[in-house]
Amino acid sequence: MTPLTASRARPARASRRRFSVTSPPWLFAAPALVVYAVVVLYPAVSGVVYAFTDWSGIGEDMSFVGLAQFRTLLGDEQAMGSIGNTLLLTVTIVVVQNAVGLLLALGVHARLKSRALLRVVFFAPVVVSPVMVAFLWKYIYNPDPSSGLNGLLGLRVDWLGDPSVALWSIAGMVVWQYAGYSMVIFLAGLEGVAPELHEAAMIDGAGTWQRFRYVTWPLLAPAVTINVMLSTIGGLKLFDQVFAATNGGPGYATETLSTVLYKQAFVFGKYGYSTAIALVLALFVAAVSLVQVYYFRNREVAA
């Protein structure tokens, strides 16, 4: 390289170096932020605005109604009943799903030759579409006494047609699908427990239950936090399985806030009312999540 060529190359490299040093980091994320703002933030803010209007979802004809939609929600028996169903489903799913997931994780964490295969089998339902799972369980819940679950157990139960049973049947199919997801998270926590801790506890004379209670369980606190939060959020916004299996029936026995929201928007054309329901649901999910984060983080520190 001649001296003239080198002198021309140095300013170019210096310019590139100055650009890389002085360019703000957010500039590289700007395209993604713009897409996120258009696709997520703008519709979310618009939904908050529409919750205070009587918009029908068609055209631009709407008027500001203040808190009227929220007062309608409080006086709507169907919506109030769906809140009870949503809370009952959520509590059932959180407790049963995490209990089953923990038992599965403890089982496949043992020294079994088939543990790799069992992990795949137990996790497989998680990757299936919730709608497909709902249709599968509609066949399993066939009220015919000679087929499905009735034929296997020798029962005569209308699993999805009996109002006293339908909600528990929905919870059962959700637990069946996502227990494997909880298992994987608990399994990650179990893999992080040092074997030396169990060996030291055994030397001190601790039995199987004592080792789990005083060694394993406290160290699973982060996994418990993640599992409880995810299953709670999933239960509160449950829609697919309910819509595909029962559409909220029989009657309103399995109606959830998400299905009421959907019907008010796309069946009855009350978009203002449906966005008010969506806003209440979003705020409730956020509040429950914050309480859980505060409680379980303190539990992790104590553990």
Protein backbone atom coordinates (compact mmCIF):
# COMPACT_ATOMS: atom_id res chain seq x y z
CA MET A 1 0.00 0.00 0.00
CA THR A 2 1.37 3.40 -1.00
CA PRO A 3 1.49 6.27 1.54
CA LEU A 4 -1.26 8.09 -0.39
CA THR A 5 -3.57 5.06 -0.27
CA ALA A 6 -2.89 4.54 3.44
CA SER A 7 -3.69 8.18 4.19
CA ARG A 8 -7.04 7.80 2.39
CA ALA A 9 -7.90 4.57 4.24
CA ARG A 10 -7.19 5.96 7.72
CA PRO A 11 -9.93 8.64 7.65
CA ALA A 12 -12.46 6.08 6.37
CA ARG A 13 -11.64 3.64 9.22
CA ALA A 14 -11.71 6.50 11.71
CA SER A 15 -15.12 7.59 10.41
CA ARG A 16 -16.49 4.06 10.79
CA ARG A 17 -14.98 3.87 14.28
CA ARG A 18 -16.57 7.18 15.30
CA PHE A 19 -19.96 6.00 13.98
CA SER A 20 -19.79 2.74 15.92
CA VAL A 21 -18.80 4.53 19.13
CA THR A 22 -21.15 7.50 18.98
CA SER A 23 -24.27 5.73 17.61
CA PRO A 24 -26.87 5.33 20.39
CA PRO A 25 -27.71 1.69 21.16
CA TRP A 26 -31.47 2.25 20.79
CA LEU A 27 -30.94 3.13 17.13
CA PHE A 28 -30.36 -0.55 16.32
CA ALA A 29 -33.57 -1.55 18.13
CA ALA A 30 -35.63 1.22 16.52
CA PRO A 31 -37.14 -0.90 13.68
CA ALA A 32 -38.31 -3.57 16.13
CA LEU A 33 -39.65 -0.90 18.51
CA VAL A 34 -41.63 0.71 15.70
CA VAL A 35 -43.20 -2.61 14.74
CA TYR A 36 -43.98 -3.36 18.42
CA ALA A 37 -45.57 0.06 18.86
CA VAL A 38 -47.77 -0.36 15.79
CA VAL A 39 -48.78 -3.97 16.41
CA VAL A 40 -49.03 -4.04 20.24
CA LEU A 41 -48.97 -0.62 21.92
CA TYR A 42 -51.32 1.24 19.59
CA PRO A 43 -54.10 -1.42 19.71
CA ALA A 44 -53.72 -1.66 23.50
CA VAL A 45 -54.06 2.09 24.01
CA SER A 46 -56.95 2.21 21.54
CA GLY A 47 -58.68 -0.54 23.50
CA VAL A 48 -58.43 1.52 26.68
CA VAL A 49 -60.05 4.46 24.87
CA TYR A 50 -62.83 2.32 23.35
CA ALA A 51 -63.70 0.96 26.80
CA PHE A 52 -65.18 4.37 27.62
CA THR A 53 -67.27 4.57 24.44
CA ASP A 54 -70.28 2.80 22.92
CA TRP A 55 -68.45 1.87 19.69
CA SER A 56 -70.12 -0.96 17.77
CA GLY A 57 -66.97 -2.02 15.94
CA ILE A 58 -68.18 -0.73 12.57
CA GLY A 59 -67.49 2.74 11.27
CA GLU A 60 -66.44 5.76 13.31
CA ASP A 61 -69.79 6.52 14.91
CA MET A 62 -69.29 6.40 18.68
CA SER A 63 -69.81 8.55 21.72
CA PHE A 64 -68.09 8.86 25.07
CA VAL A 65 -70.08 7.14 27.83
CA GLY A 66 -67.65 7.37 30.73
CA LEU A 67 -67.92 4.49 33.20
CA ALA A 68 -71.25 3.25 31.83
CA GLN A 69 -69.69 0.08 30.35
CA PHE A 70 -68.13 -0.82 33.69
CA ARG A 71 -71.45 -0.28 35.49
CA THR A 72 -73.05 -2.57 32.90
CA LEU A 73 -70.39 -5.16 33.66
CA LEU A 74 -71.17 -5.05 37.38
CA GLY A 75 -74.86 -5.56 36.66
CA ASP A 76 -74.38 -8.32 34.08
CA GLU A 77 -75.21 -11.66 35.71
CA GLN A 78 -73.57 -13.62 32.91
CA ALA A 79 -70.31 -11.66 33.29
CA MET A 80 -70.36 -11.96 37.09
CA GLY A 81 -70.96 -15.69 36.81
CA SER A 82 -68.06 -15.97 34.35
CA ILE A 83 -65.77 -14.28 36.89
CA GLY A 84 -66.64 -16.97 39.44
CA ASN A 85 -66.02 -19.70 36.85
CA THR A 86 -62.72 -18.11 35.87
CA LEU A 87 -61.49 -17.92 39.46
CA LEU A 88 -62.59 -21.49 40.21
CA LEU A 89 -60.90 -22.81 37.08
CA THR A 90 -57.73 -20.86 37.85
CA VAL A 91 -57.41 -22.13 41.42
CA THR A 92 -58.07 -25.72 40.31
CA ILE A 93 -55.59 -25.54 37.44
CA VAL A 94 -52.85 -23.92 39.54
CA VAL A 95 -53.11 -26.46 42.37
CA VAL A 96 -53.63 -29.65 40.36
CA GLN A 97 -51.35 -28.82 37.43
CA ASN A 98 -48.40 -27.93 39.64
CA ALA A 99 -48.95 -30.90 41.95
CA VAL A 100 -49.05 -33.30 38.99
CA GLY A 101 -46.10 -31.55 37.33
CA LEU A 102 -44.04 -31.86 40.51
CA LEU A 103 -44.85 -35.56 40.87
CA LEU A 104 -43.93 -36.17 37.22
CA ALA A 105 -40.67 -34.24 37.64
CA LEU A 106 -39.73 -36.26 40.72
CA GLY A 107 -40.55 -39.46 38.84
CA VAL A 108 -38.52 -38.74 35.71
CA HIS A 109 -35.68 -37.28 37.78
CA ALA A 110 -35.09 -40.71 39.29
CA ARG A 111 -32.53 -43.07 37.81
CA LEU A 112 -34.79 -44.79 35.31
CA LYS A 113 -33.61 -46.20 32.00
CA SER A 114 -36.71 -44.85 30.27
CA ARG A 115 -36.65 -41.39 31.84
CA ALA A 116 -35.70 -39.66 28.56
CA LEU A 117 -38.63 -41.30 26.79
CA LEU A 118 -40.98 -40.49 29.66
CA ARG A 119 -39.99 -36.84 29.57
CA VAL A 120 -40.87 -36.67 25.88
CA VAL A 121 -44.18 -38.46 26.40
CA PHE A 122 -45.26 -36.25 29.30
CA PHE A 123 -44.23 -33.06 27.50
CA ALA A 124 -45.78 -33.97 24.14
CA PRO A 125 -49.32 -32.61 24.86
CA VAL A 126 -47.85 -29.16 25.48
CA VAL A 127 -46.91 -28.69 21.82
CA VAL A 128 -50.37 -29.69 20.55
CA SER A 129 -52.82 -26.92 19.68
CA PRO A 130 -55.32 -26.27 22.52
CA VAL A 131 -58.16 -26.54 20.00
CA MET A 132 -56.95 -29.99 18.94
CA VAL A 133 -56.73 -31.01 22.59
CA ALA A 134 -60.30 -29.81 23.15
CA PHE A 135 -61.61 -31.88 20.24
CA LEU A 136 -59.65 -34.91 21.43
CA TRP A 137 -61.16 -34.62 24.90
CA LYS A 138 -64.64 -34.08 23.46
CA TYR A 139 -64.27 -37.59 22.06
CA ILE A 140 -62.91 -38.90 25.37
CA TYR A 141 -65.81 -37.20 27.20
CA ASN A 142 -68.37 -38.82 24.89
CA PRO A 143 -71.54 -39.34 26.99
CA ASP A 144 -72.12 -42.73 25.36
CA PRO A 145 -71.61 -45.31 28.17
CA SER A 146 -69.85 -47.67 25.77
CA SER A 147 -67.13 -45.30 24.54
CA GLY A 148 -64.52 -42.87 25.77
CA LEU A 149 -63.98 -42.30 29.46
CA ASN A 150 -67.41 -43.68 30.34
CA GLY A 151 -66.63 -46.95 28.62
CA LEU A 152 -63.25 -47.16 30.36
CA LEU A 153 -64.63 -46.48 33.85
CA GLY A 154 -68.06 -48.04 33.40
CA LEU A 155 -69.87 -44.75 34.11
CA ARG A 156 -72.83 -42.86 32.68
CA VAL A 157 -71.71 -39.24 32.97
CA ASP A 158 -72.34 -36.41 30.53
CA TRP A 159 -68.95 -34.82 31.16
CA LEU A 160 -69.51 -31.69 29.07
CA GLY A 161 -73.32 -31.57 29.17
CA ASP A 162 -73.88 -31.69 32.92
CA PRO A 163 -73.54 -28.18 34.45
CA SER A 164 -72.22 -29.64 37.71
CA VAL A 165 -69.42 -31.55 35.95
CA ALA A 166 -68.56 -29.54 32.83
CA LEU A 167 -66.29 -26.99 34.53
CA TRP A 168 -64.23 -29.72 36.20
CA SER A 169 -63.98 -31.53 32.85
CA ILE A 170 -62.50 -28.39 31.28
CA ALA A 171 -60.00 -28.14 34.14
CA GLY A 172 -59.05 -31.78 33.59
CA MET A 173 -58.18 -31.31 29.93
CA VAL A 174 -56.13 -28.18 30.71
CA VAL A 175 -54.18 -29.99 33.44
CA TRP A 176 -53.59 -32.95 31.10
CA GLN A 177 -52.12 -30.64 28.46
CA TYR A 178 -49.91 -28.40 30.60
CA ALA A 179 -48.79 -30.63 33.47
CA GLY A 180 -45.81 -31.58 31.29
CA TYR A 181 -44.85 -27.91 31.00
CA SER A 182 -44.80 -27.57 34.78
CA MET A 183 -42.83 -30.82 34.92
CA VAL A 184 -40.05 -29.40 32.74
CA ILE A 185 -39.69 -26.29 34.92
CA PHE A 186 -39.64 -28.34 38.12
CA LEU A 187 -37.18 -30.71 36.50
CA ALA A 188 -34.83 -27.82 35.77
CA GLY A 189 -35.04 -26.88 39.45
CA LEU A 190 -34.33 -30.45 40.54
CA GLU A 191 -31.28 -30.61 38.28
CA GLY A 192 -29.90 -27.60 40.16
CA VAL A 193 -30.04 -29.29 43.57
CA ALA A 194 -26.53 -30.49 44.42
CA PRO A 195 -26.36 -34.25 45.19
CA GLU A 196 -24.00 -33.47 48.06
CA LEU A 197 -26.86 -31.86 49.98
CA HIS A 198 -28.90 -35.07 49.82
CA GLU A 199 -25.87 -37.13 50.78
CA ALA A 200 -25.23 -34.93 53.80
CA ALA A 201 -28.89 -35.20 54.83
CA MET A 202 -28.76 -39.00 54.50
CA ILE A 203 -25.68 -39.11 56.71
CA ASP A 204 -27.62 -37.11 59.31
CA GLY A 205 -30.35 -39.75 59.19
CA ALA A 206 -32.96 -37.86 57.12
CA GLY A 207 -35.51 -40.01 55.34
CA THR A 208 -36.96 -39.54 51.84
CA TRP A 209 -39.74 -37.18 52.96
CA GLN A 210 -37.43 -35.18 55.23
CA ARG A 211 -34.90 -34.73 52.43
CA PHE A 212 -37.64 -33.47 50.12
CA ARG A 213 -39.21 -31.22 52.76
CA TYR A 214 -36.04 -29.58 54.08
CA VAL A 215 -33.60 -29.85 51.14
CA THR A 216 -35.38 -30.13 47.80
CA TRP A 217 -38.53 -28.09 48.38
CA PRO A 218 -36.81 -24.85 49.59
CA LEU A 219 -34.43 -24.98 46.63
CA LEU A 220 -37.37 -25.33 44.23
CA ALA A 221 -38.68 -21.89 45.22
CA PRO A 222 -37.75 -20.21 41.87
CA ALA A 223 -39.39 -23.03 39.90
CA VAL A 224 -42.51 -22.79 42.07
CA THR A 225 -42.67 -19.02 41.44
CA ILE A 226 -42.49 -19.44 37.66
CA ASN A 227 -44.96 -22.33 37.54
CA VAL A 228 -47.56 -20.68 39.77
CA MET A 229 -47.40 -17.40 37.86
CA LEU A 230 -47.64 -19.01 34.42
CA SER A 231 -50.49 -21.34 35.39
CA THR A 232 -52.35 -18.48 37.09
CA ILE A 233 -52.12 -16.22 34.05
CA GLY A 234 -53.09 -19.09 31.76
CA GLY A 235 -56.11 -19.94 33.90
CA LEU A 236 -57.35 -16.35 34.14
CA LYS A 237 -57.27 -15.84 30.37
CA LEU A 238 -58.42 -19.35 29.42
CA PHE A 239 -60.37 -19.31 26.16
CA ASP A 240 -59.44 -21.88 23.51
CA GLN A 241 -60.36 -25.06 25.35
CA VAL A 242 -63.64 -23.63 26.66
CA PHE A 243 -64.68 -22.20 23.31
CA ALA A 244 -63.86 -25.37 21.36
CA ALA A 245 -65.27 -27.87 23.89
CA THR A 246 -68.42 -26.22 25.28
CA ASN A 247 -68.65 -22.65 23.95
CA GLY A 248 -69.43 -21.63 27.51
CA GLY A 249 -72.25 -24.15 27.96
CA PRO A 250 -74.27 -25.90 29.03
CA GLY A 251 -76.06 -22.65 29.72
CA TYR A 252 -73.38 -20.47 31.27
CA ALA A 253 -71.79 -23.27 33.34
CA THR A 254 -68.33 -22.97 31.76
CA GLU A 255 -68.42 -19.35 30.66
CA THR A 256 -65.21 -17.46 31.39
CA LEU A 257 -64.38 -13.78 31.11
CA SER A 258 -62.53 -14.47 27.85
CA THR A 259 -65.51 -16.19 26.22
CA VAL A 260 -67.88 -13.43 27.40
CA LEU A 261 -65.48 -10.86 25.95
CA TYR A 262 -65.40 -12.71 22.62
CA LYS A 263 -69.18 -13.05 22.36
CA GLN A 264 -69.85 -9.44 23.27
CA ALA A 265 -67.45 -8.29 20.54
CA PHE A 266 -67.98 -10.73 17.68
CA VAL A 267 -71.51 -12.04 18.28
CA PHE A 268 -73.38 -9.05 19.71
CA GLY A 269 -71.21 -6.29 18.21
CA LYS A 270 -70.68 -4.49 21.53
CA TYR A 271 -67.02 -3.62 21.07
CA GLY A 272 -67.04 -0.87 23.67
CA TYR A 273 -68.41 -3.24 26.29
CA SER A 274 -66.04 -6.03 25.26
CA THR A 275 -62.99 -3.75 25.55
CA ALA A 276 -64.18 -2.72 29.01
CA ILE A 277 -64.25 -6.42 29.97
CA ALA A 278 -60.79 -6.87 28.43
CA LEU A 279 -59.45 -3.91 30.41
CA VAL A 280 -60.83 -5.30 33.68
CA LEU A 281 -59.34 -8.71 32.88
CA ALA A 282 -55.93 -7.22 32.01
CA LEU A 283 -55.82 -5.13 35.19
CA PHE A 284 -56.88 -8.10 37.30
CA VAL A 285 -54.22 -10.36 35.76
CA ALA A 286 -51.58 -7.65 36.32
CA ALA A 287 -52.63 -7.16 39.94
CA VAL A 288 -52.60 -10.89 40.71
CA SER A 289 -49.20 -11.26 39.02
CA LEU A 290 -47.69 -8.41 41.05
CA VAL A 291 -48.98 -9.90 44.31
CA GLN A 292 -47.56 -13.29 43.36
CA VAL A 293 -44.19 -11.81 42.43
CA TYR A 294 -43.97 -9.97 45.75
CA TYR A 295 -45.00 -13.01 47.81
CA PHE A 296 -42.90 -15.62 46.04
CA ARG A 297 -39.81 -13.43 45.80
CA ASN A 298 -39.94 -12.97 49.55
CA ARG A 299 -40.36 -16.73 49.89
CA GLU A 300 -37.29 -17.30 47.71
CA VAL A 301 -35.22 -14.97 49.89
CA ALA A 302 -36.45 -16.72 53.04
CA ALA A 303 -35.63 -20.11 51.56
